[in-house]
Amino acid sequence: MQESQQKVIFQKDIESEIRAAEADQRNANLSNKTIREINLSEKEINCGLDFRGSVFLGSAYLGKSTIKGDLILDNAIINNTFYLGEAKILGNVSGPRIAVKNSFNMVNGLIEGDLNLEKTNIQGFFSLNKSNVKGSLNLKEIRVMNLETPTGTVKGDVFLQRATFEKYVDLEGAQIDGMIDFEKTNIWSFLNLSNAKIKEVLVLRESYIKGDSLFEGLECQKKIVSF
């Protein structure tokens, strides 16, 4: 572990850096840190948040928060749940190669820019149900795996029901242990599922895709399609 990651920082340290960043009109620099756990739910944050390379020892909660900038998570590790339900992010979400060890949930959220989770590994489910992403959704080579818990298995499902993506959705080379559900999803550009491997069902019931749908090399147990 890098020397900069040896000291664990806490909620008060994060809030102090956010206040300083807001005053200086810059991103909050929380990169390459070891973070115990954070709860920024229902807060208005007047700057971007840079967590690149950081390790979260517990969960990260940003439900119903507003982030007036980018959320940067490149190469971060979240050892529990990453929750963004009903969050509004007024910039991009950048998270290639992150690792989440207990689900990524952004139900009913808003992202004004792009969402990039290329080559990310998620144990448990991934959900953008009812969310609006105004930019592109890059899930190329994402890996969503089942999570075994003492009380049972959390299926490695991808939920995109009733979501709106105003540019393309790219899942080329994705590996999904469960299902992918696009029921009543709107995609204003193309959908790419080339070479994706879905162990269970692909649902495209009542979805709208303005551009092409690319399925070359797709493997799945079953497709449920109706437009």
C-alpha atoms as a PDB file:
ATOM      1  CA  MET A   1       0.000   0.000   0.000  1.00  0.00           C
ATOM      2  CA  GLN A   2       1.297   3.450  -0.827  1.00  0.00           C
ATOM      3  CA  GLU A   3       2.490   5.592   2.060  1.00  0.00           C
ATOM      4  CA  SER A   4      -0.273   8.147   1.337  1.00  0.00           C
ATOM      5  CA  GLN A   5      -2.840   5.405   1.910  1.00  0.00           C
ATOM      6  CA  GLN A   6      -1.580   4.234   5.312  1.00  0.00           C
ATOM      7  CA  LYS A   7      -3.398   6.858   7.367  1.00  0.00           C
ATOM      8  CA  VAL A   8      -7.138   6.263   7.553  1.00  0.00           C
ATOM      9  CA  ILE A   9      -9.257   9.384   7.108  1.00  0.00           C
ATOM     10  CA  PHE A  10     -12.753   9.869   8.459  1.00  0.00           C
ATOM     11  CA  GLN A  11     -15.952  11.764   7.721  1.00  0.00           C
ATOM     12  CA  LYS A  12     -14.738  14.964   9.382  1.00  0.00           C
ATOM     13  CA  ASP A  13     -11.571  14.974   7.255  1.00  0.00           C
ATOM     14  CA  ILE A  14     -13.605  14.592   4.061  1.00  0.00           C
ATOM     15  CA  GLU A  15     -16.029  17.358   5.012  1.00  0.00           C
ATOM     16  CA  SER A  16     -13.136  19.679   5.859  1.00  0.00           C
ATOM     17  CA  GLU A  17     -11.520  19.115   2.447  1.00  0.00           C
ATOM     18  CA  ILE A  18     -14.858  19.664   0.693  1.00  0.00           C
ATOM     19  CA  ARG A  19     -15.323  23.016   2.464  1.00  0.00           C
ATOM     20  CA  ALA A  20     -11.813  24.092   1.455  1.00  0.00           C
ATOM     21  CA  ALA A  21     -12.375  23.015  -2.158  1.00  0.00           C
ATOM     22  CA  GLU A  22     -15.682  24.890  -2.342  1.00  0.00           C
ATOM     23  CA  ALA A  23     -13.968  28.047  -1.085  1.00  0.00           C
ATOM     24  CA  ASP A  24     -11.112  27.648  -3.604  1.00  0.00           C
ATOM     25  CA  GLN A  25     -13.465  26.664  -6.476  1.00  0.00           C
ATOM     26  CA  ARG A  26     -11.635  23.391  -7.205  1.00  0.00           C
ATOM     27  CA  ASN A  27     -12.256  19.666  -6.915  1.00  0.00           C
ATOM     28  CA  ALA A  28     -12.001  18.184  -3.434  1.00  0.00           C
ATOM     29  CA  ASN A  29      -8.750  16.200  -3.479  1.00  0.00           C
ATOM     30  CA  LEU A  30      -9.544  12.883  -1.802  1.00  0.00           C
ATOM     31  CA  SER A  31      -7.381  10.764  -4.080  1.00  0.00           C
ATOM     32  CA  ASN A  32      -5.106   7.941  -2.909  1.00  0.00           C
ATOM     33  CA  LYS A  33      -6.622   7.911   0.575  1.00  0.00           C
ATOM     34  CA  THR A  34      -7.791   5.124   2.847  1.00  0.00           C
ATOM     35  CA  ILE A  35     -11.307   6.083   3.948  1.00  0.00           C
ATOM     36  CA  ARG A  36     -13.165   4.454   6.819  1.00  0.00           C
ATOM     37  CA  GLU A  37     -16.673   5.117   5.478  1.00  0.00           C
ATOM     38  CA  ILE A  38     -18.500   8.162   4.142  1.00  0.00           C
ATOM     39  CA  ASN A  39     -22.066   9.408   4.300  1.00  0.00           C
ATOM     40  CA  LEU A  40     -22.675  12.481   2.137  1.00  0.00           C
ATOM     41  CA  SER A  41     -26.384  11.781   1.701  1.00  0.00           C
ATOM     42  CA  GLU A  42     -28.770  14.706   1.213  1.00  0.00           C
ATOM     43  CA  LYS A  43     -25.897  17.207   0.939  1.00  0.00           C
ATOM     44  CA  GLU A  44     -25.317  19.918  -1.667  1.00  0.00           C
ATOM     45  CA  ILE A  45     -21.655  19.800  -2.630  1.00  0.00           C
ATOM     46  CA  ASN A  46     -20.485  22.813  -4.603  1.00  0.00           C
ATOM     47  CA  CYS A  47     -17.416  21.176  -6.126  1.00  0.00           C
ATOM     48  CA  GLY A  48     -16.289  17.975  -7.795  1.00  0.00           C
ATOM     49  CA  LEU A  49     -15.054  14.993  -5.773  1.00  0.00           C
ATOM     50  CA  ASP A  50     -11.807  13.250  -6.713  1.00  0.00           C
ATOM     51  CA  PHE A  51     -11.470   9.791  -5.109  1.00  0.00           C
ATOM     52  CA  ARG A  52      -9.166   8.277  -7.715  1.00  0.00           C
ATOM     53  CA  GLY A  53      -7.024   5.465  -6.318  1.00  0.00           C
ATOM     54  CA  SER A  54      -8.688   5.588  -2.888  1.00  0.00           C
ATOM     55  CA  VAL A  55      -9.730   2.616  -0.772  1.00  0.00           C
ATOM     56  CA  PHE A  56     -13.046   2.719   1.096  1.00  0.00           C
ATOM     57  CA  LEU A  57     -12.941   0.296   4.018  1.00  0.00           C
ATOM     58  CA  GLY A  58     -16.730   0.459   4.344  1.00  0.00           C
ATOM     59  CA  SER A  59     -19.656   1.823   2.353  1.00  0.00           C
ATOM     60  CA  ALA A  60     -20.045   5.102   0.500  1.00  0.00           C
ATOM     61  CA  TYR A  61     -23.466   6.769   0.736  1.00  0.00           C
ATOM     62  CA  LEU A  62     -24.346   9.706  -1.512  1.00  0.00           C
ATOM     63  CA  GLY A  63     -28.100   9.193  -1.727  1.00  0.00           C
ATOM     64  CA  LYS A  64     -30.114  12.343  -2.591  1.00  0.00           C
ATOM     65  CA  SER A  65     -26.915  14.389  -2.751  1.00  0.00           C
ATOM     66  CA  THR A  66     -26.148  17.045  -5.373  1.00  0.00           C
ATOM     67  CA  ILE A  67     -22.573  17.205  -6.648  1.00  0.00           C
ATOM     68  CA  LYS A  68     -21.872  20.331  -8.686  1.00  0.00           C
ATOM     69  CA  GLY A  69     -18.967  18.898 -10.631  1.00  0.00           C
ATOM     70  CA  ASP A  70     -17.376  15.583 -11.583  1.00  0.00           C
ATOM     71  CA  LEU A  71     -17.299  12.450  -9.441  1.00  0.00           C
ATOM     72  CA  ILE A  72     -13.939  10.777 -10.092  1.00  0.00           C
ATOM     73  CA  LEU A  73     -13.385   7.213  -8.871  1.00  0.00           C
ATOM     74  CA  ASP A  74     -10.746   5.828 -11.251  1.00  0.00           C
ATOM     75  CA  ASN A  75      -9.105   2.671  -9.798  1.00  0.00           C
ATOM     76  CA  ALA A  76     -10.854   3.083  -6.433  1.00  0.00           C
ATOM     77  CA  ILE A  77     -11.815   0.132  -4.214  1.00  0.00           C
ATOM     78  CA  ILE A  78     -15.120   0.192  -2.307  1.00  0.00           C
ATOM     79  CA  ASN A  79     -15.288  -2.672   0.180  1.00  0.00           C
ATOM     80  CA  ASN A  80     -19.031  -2.464   0.712  1.00  0.00           C
ATOM     81  CA  THR A  81     -22.049  -0.779  -0.911  1.00  0.00           C
ATOM     82  CA  PHE A  82     -21.750   2.245  -3.200  1.00  0.00           C
ATOM     83  CA  TYR A  83     -25.112   4.019  -2.995  1.00  0.00           C
ATOM     84  CA  LEU A  84     -26.127   6.986  -5.168  1.00  0.00           C
ATOM     85  CA  GLY A  85     -29.915   6.666  -5.086  1.00  0.00           C
ATOM     86  CA  GLU A  86     -31.625   9.879  -6.274  1.00  0.00           C
ATOM     87  CA  ALA A  87     -28.270  11.673  -6.491  1.00  0.00           C
ATOM     88  CA  LYS A  88     -27.722  14.510  -8.965  1.00  0.00           C
ATOM     89  CA  ILE A  89     -24.260  14.789 -10.469  1.00  0.00           C
ATOM     90  CA  LEU A  90     -23.860  17.889 -12.583  1.00  0.00           C
ATOM     91  CA  GLY A  91     -20.708  16.670 -14.334  1.00  0.00           C
ATOM     92  CA  ASN A  92     -19.239  13.326 -15.380  1.00  0.00           C
ATOM     93  CA  VAL A  93     -18.850  10.138 -13.350  1.00  0.00           C
ATOM     94  CA  SER A  94     -15.479   8.570 -14.104  1.00  0.00           C
ATOM     95  CA  GLY A  95     -14.829   5.139 -12.619  1.00  0.00           C
ATOM     96  CA  PRO A  96     -12.850   2.845 -14.906  1.00  0.00           C
ATOM     97  CA  ARG A  97     -11.298  -0.164 -13.191  1.00  0.00           C
ATOM     98  CA  ILE A  98     -12.988   0.342  -9.838  1.00  0.00           C
ATOM     99  CA  ALA A  99     -13.815  -2.601  -7.593  1.00  0.00           C
ATOM    100  CA  VAL A 100     -17.075  -2.684  -5.612  1.00  0.00           C
ATOM    101  CA  LYS A 101     -17.539  -5.565  -3.194  1.00  0.00           C
ATOM    102  CA  ASN A 102     -21.249  -5.186  -2.423  1.00  0.00           C
ATOM    103  CA  SER A 103     -23.368  -3.629  -5.192  1.00  0.00           C
ATOM    104  CA  PHE A 104     -23.495  -0.302  -7.065  1.00  0.00           C
ATOM    105  CA  ASN A 105     -26.936   1.293  -6.787  1.00  0.00           C
ATOM    106  CA  MET A 106     -27.978   4.559  -8.452  1.00  0.00           C
ATOM    107  CA  VAL A 107     -31.727   4.206  -8.731  1.00  0.00           C
ATOM    108  CA  ASN A 108     -33.566   7.334  -9.932  1.00  0.00           C
ATOM    109  CA  GLY A 109     -30.381   9.374 -10.297  1.00  0.00           C
ATOM    110  CA  LEU A 110     -29.273  12.085 -12.710  1.00  0.00           C
ATOM    111  CA  ILE A 111     -25.880  12.434 -14.405  1.00  0.00           C
ATOM    112  CA  GLU A 112     -25.472  15.517 -16.581  1.00  0.00           C
ATOM    113  CA  GLY A 113     -22.389  14.125 -18.330  1.00  0.00           C
ATOM    114  CA  ASP A 114     -20.937  10.688 -19.132  1.00  0.00           C
ATOM    115  CA  LEU A 115     -20.806   7.599 -16.913  1.00  0.00           C
ATOM    116  CA  ASN A 116     -17.660   5.547 -17.493  1.00  0.00           C
ATOM    117  CA  LEU A 117     -17.261   2.254 -15.615  1.00  0.00           C
ATOM    118  CA  GLU A 118     -15.131   0.452 -18.198  1.00  0.00           C
ATOM    119  CA  LYS A 119     -13.382  -2.680 -16.858  1.00  0.00           C
ATOM    120  CA  THR A 120     -15.015  -2.296 -13.441  1.00  0.00           C
ATOM    121  CA  ASN A 121     -15.596  -5.295 -11.159  1.00  0.00           C
ATOM    122  CA  ILE A 122     -18.785  -5.375  -9.081  1.00  0.00           C
ATOM    123  CA  GLN A 123     -19.792  -8.113  -6.656  1.00  0.00           C
ATOM    124  CA  GLY A 124     -23.562  -8.024  -6.224  1.00  0.00           C
ATOM    125  CA  PHE A 125     -26.012  -6.136  -8.431  1.00  0.00           C
ATOM    126  CA  PHE A 126     -25.573  -3.002 -10.531  1.00  0.00           C
ATOM    127  CA  SER A 127     -28.610  -0.708 -10.853  1.00  0.00           C
ATOM    128  CA  LEU A 128     -29.394   2.456 -12.788  1.00  0.00           C
ATOM    129  CA  ASN A 129     -33.172   1.888 -12.703  1.00  0.00           C
ATOM    130  CA  LYS A 130     -35.161   5.070 -13.519  1.00  0.00           C
ATOM    131  CA  SER A 131     -31.961   7.107 -13.905  1.00  0.00           C
ATOM    132  CA  ASN A 132     -31.191   9.702 -16.575  1.00  0.00           C
ATOM    133  CA  VAL A 133     -27.681   9.813 -18.036  1.00  0.00           C
ATOM    134  CA  LYS A 134     -27.405  12.730 -20.442  1.00  0.00           C
ATOM    135  CA  GLY A 135     -24.066  11.571 -21.822  1.00  0.00           C
ATOM    136  CA  SER A 136     -22.774   8.136 -22.807  1.00  0.00           C
ATOM    137  CA  LEU A 137     -22.793   4.979 -20.665  1.00  0.00           C
ATOM    138  CA  ASN A 138     -19.526   3.070 -21.010  1.00  0.00           C
ATOM    139  CA  LEU A 139     -19.707  -0.389 -19.434  1.00  0.00           C
ATOM    140  CA  LYS A 140     -17.206  -2.072 -21.766  1.00  0.00           C
ATOM    141  CA  GLU A 141     -15.691  -5.204 -20.216  1.00  0.00           C
ATOM    142  CA  ILE A 142     -17.524  -4.643 -16.930  1.00  0.00           C
ATOM    143  CA  ARG A 143     -17.705  -7.721 -14.677  1.00  0.00           C
ATOM    144  CA  VAL A 144     -20.785  -8.119 -12.455  1.00  0.00           C
ATOM    145  CA  MET A 145     -20.508 -11.165 -10.189  1.00  0.00           C
ATOM    146  CA  ASN A 146     -22.680 -13.028  -7.721  1.00  0.00           C
ATOM    147  CA  LEU A 147     -21.950 -12.189  -4.093  1.00  0.00           C
ATOM    148  CA  GLU A 148     -22.126 -14.933  -1.487  1.00  0.00           C
ATOM    149  CA  THR A 149     -23.280 -13.722   1.950  1.00  0.00           C
ATOM    150  CA  PRO A 150     -24.134 -15.530   5.198  1.00  0.00           C
ATOM    151  CA  THR A 151     -27.829 -15.062   4.369  1.00  0.00           C
ATOM    152  CA  GLY A 152     -27.668 -16.137   0.728  1.00  0.00           C
ATOM    153  CA  THR A 153     -26.549 -15.070  -2.724  1.00  0.00           C
ATOM    154  CA  VAL A 154     -26.881 -11.550  -4.120  1.00  0.00           C
ATOM    155  CA  LYS A 155     -27.262 -12.144  -7.850  1.00  0.00           C
ATOM    156  CA  GLY A 156     -24.893 -10.384 -10.205  1.00  0.00           C
ATOM    157  CA  ASP A 157     -27.711  -8.683 -12.117  1.00  0.00           C
ATOM    158  CA  VAL A 158     -27.702  -5.450 -14.144  1.00  0.00           C
ATOM    159  CA  PHE A 159     -30.874  -3.364 -13.811  1.00  0.00           C
ATOM    160  CA  LEU A 160     -31.468  -0.561 -16.326  1.00  0.00           C
ATOM    161  CA  GLN A 161     -35.276  -0.534 -16.241  1.00  0.00           C
ATOM    162  CA  ARG A 162     -37.076   2.693 -17.179  1.00  0.00           C
ATOM    163  CA  ALA A 163     -33.749   4.517 -17.484  1.00  0.00           C
ATOM    164  CA  THR A 164     -32.973   7.108 -20.142  1.00  0.00           C
ATOM    165  CA  PHE A 165     -29.581   7.315 -21.845  1.00  0.00           C
ATOM    166  CA  GLU A 166     -29.307  10.315 -24.139  1.00  0.00           C
ATOM    167  CA  LYS A 167     -26.257   8.956 -25.993  1.00  0.00           C
ATOM    168  CA  TYR A 168     -24.983   5.394 -26.501  1.00  0.00           C
ATOM    169  CA  VAL A 169     -24.869   2.403 -24.146  1.00  0.00           C
ATOM    170  CA  ASP A 170     -21.777   0.226 -24.604  1.00  0.00           C
ATOM    171  CA  LEU A 171     -21.528  -3.195 -22.932  1.00  0.00           C
ATOM    172  CA  GLU A 172     -19.056  -4.739 -25.379  1.00  0.00           C
ATOM    173  CA  GLY A 173     -17.244  -7.642 -23.747  1.00  0.00           C
ATOM    174  CA  ALA A 174     -19.244  -7.416 -20.498  1.00  0.00           C
ATOM    175  CA  GLN A 175     -19.449 -10.510 -18.278  1.00  0.00           C
ATOM    176  CA  ILE A 176     -22.615 -10.762 -16.208  1.00  0.00           C
ATOM    177  CA  ASP A 177     -23.286 -13.622 -13.781  1.00  0.00           C
ATOM    178  CA  GLY A 178     -27.019 -12.879 -13.643  1.00  0.00           C
ATOM    179  CA  MET A 179     -29.402 -11.073 -16.005  1.00  0.00           C
ATOM    180  CA  ILE A 180     -29.555  -7.694 -17.789  1.00  0.00           C
ATOM    181  CA  ASP A 181     -32.925  -5.932 -17.717  1.00  0.00           C
ATOM    182  CA  PHE A 182     -33.606  -3.079 -20.184  1.00  0.00           C
ATOM    183  CA  GLU A 183     -37.407  -3.106 -19.715  1.00  0.00           C
ATOM    184  CA  LYS A 184     -38.925   0.248 -20.834  1.00  0.00           C
ATOM    185  CA  THR A 185     -35.440   1.755 -21.233  1.00  0.00           C
ATOM    186  CA  ASN A 186     -34.827   4.618 -23.674  1.00  0.00           C
ATOM    187  CA  ILE A 187     -31.511   4.775 -25.558  1.00  0.00           C
ATOM    188  CA  TRP A 188     -31.199   7.750 -27.896  1.00  0.00           C
ATOM    189  CA  SER A 189     -28.214   6.370 -29.800  1.00  0.00           C
ATOM    190  CA  PHE A 190     -26.889   2.805 -30.233  1.00  0.00           C
ATOM    191  CA  LEU A 191     -26.736  -0.213 -27.913  1.00  0.00           C
ATOM    192  CA  ASN A 192     -23.619  -2.363 -28.113  1.00  0.00           C
ATOM    193  CA  LEU A 193     -23.735  -5.868 -26.597  1.00  0.00           C
ATOM    194  CA  SER A 194     -21.078  -7.357 -28.889  1.00  0.00           C
ATOM    195  CA  ASN A 195     -19.176 -10.255 -27.313  1.00  0.00           C
ATOM    196  CA  ALA A 196     -21.015  -9.820 -24.007  1.00  0.00           C
ATOM    197  CA  LYS A 197     -21.558 -12.940 -21.908  1.00  0.00           C
ATOM    198  CA  ILE A 198     -24.780 -13.002 -19.868  1.00  0.00           C
ATOM    199  CA  LYS A 199     -25.270 -16.214 -17.890  1.00  0.00           C
ATOM    200  CA  GLU A 200     -29.017 -15.687 -17.551  1.00  0.00           C
ATOM    201  CA  VAL A 201     -31.613 -13.585 -19.421  1.00  0.00           C
ATOM    202  CA  LEU A 202     -31.382 -10.451 -21.576  1.00  0.00           C
ATOM    203  CA  VAL A 203     -34.639  -8.468 -21.305  1.00  0.00           C
ATOM    204  CA  LEU A 204     -35.438  -5.829 -23.931  1.00  0.00           C
ATOM    205  CA  ARG A 205     -39.190  -5.648 -23.328  1.00  0.00           C
ATOM    206  CA  GLU A 206     -40.809  -2.340 -24.416  1.00  0.00           C
ATOM    207  CA  SER A 207     -37.425  -0.641 -24.735  1.00  0.00           C
ATOM    208  CA  TYR A 208     -36.686   2.103 -27.284  1.00  0.00           C
ATOM    209  CA  ILE A 209     -33.339   2.193 -29.106  1.00  0.00           C
ATOM    210  CA  LYS A 210     -33.029   4.953 -31.690  1.00  0.00           C
ATOM    211  CA  GLY A 211     -29.848   3.676 -33.332  1.00  0.00           C
ATOM    212  CA  ASP A 212     -28.453   0.244 -34.077  1.00  0.00           C
ATOM    213  CA  SER A 213     -28.406  -2.700 -31.676  1.00  0.00           C
ATOM    214  CA  LEU A 214     -25.146  -4.654 -31.961  1.00  0.00           C
ATOM    215  CA  PHE A 215     -25.327  -8.294 -30.845  1.00  0.00           C
ATOM    216  CA  GLU A 216     -22.401  -9.948 -32.690  1.00  0.00           C
ATOM    217  CA  GLY A 217     -20.831 -12.596 -30.458  1.00  0.00           C
ATOM    218  CA  LEU A 218     -23.413 -12.101 -27.680  1.00  0.00           C
ATOM    219  CA  GLU A 219     -23.958 -15.122 -25.423  1.00  0.00           C
ATOM    220  CA  CYS A 220     -26.999 -15.364 -23.159  1.00  0.00           C
ATOM    221  CA  GLN A 221     -29.337 -18.065 -21.897  1.00  0.00           C
ATOM    222  CA  LYS A 222     -32.437 -16.370 -23.329  1.00  0.00           C
ATOM    223  CA  LYS A 223     -33.618 -13.114 -24.890  1.00  0.00           C
ATOM    224  CA  ILE A 224     -36.960 -11.502 -24.099  1.00  0.00           C
ATOM    225  CA  VAL A 225     -37.538  -8.897 -26.787  1.00  0.00           C
ATOM    226  CA  SER A 226     -40.631  -6.854 -27.630  1.00  0.00           C
ATOM    227  CA  PHE A 227     -40.710  -3.300 -29.000  1.00  0.00           C
END
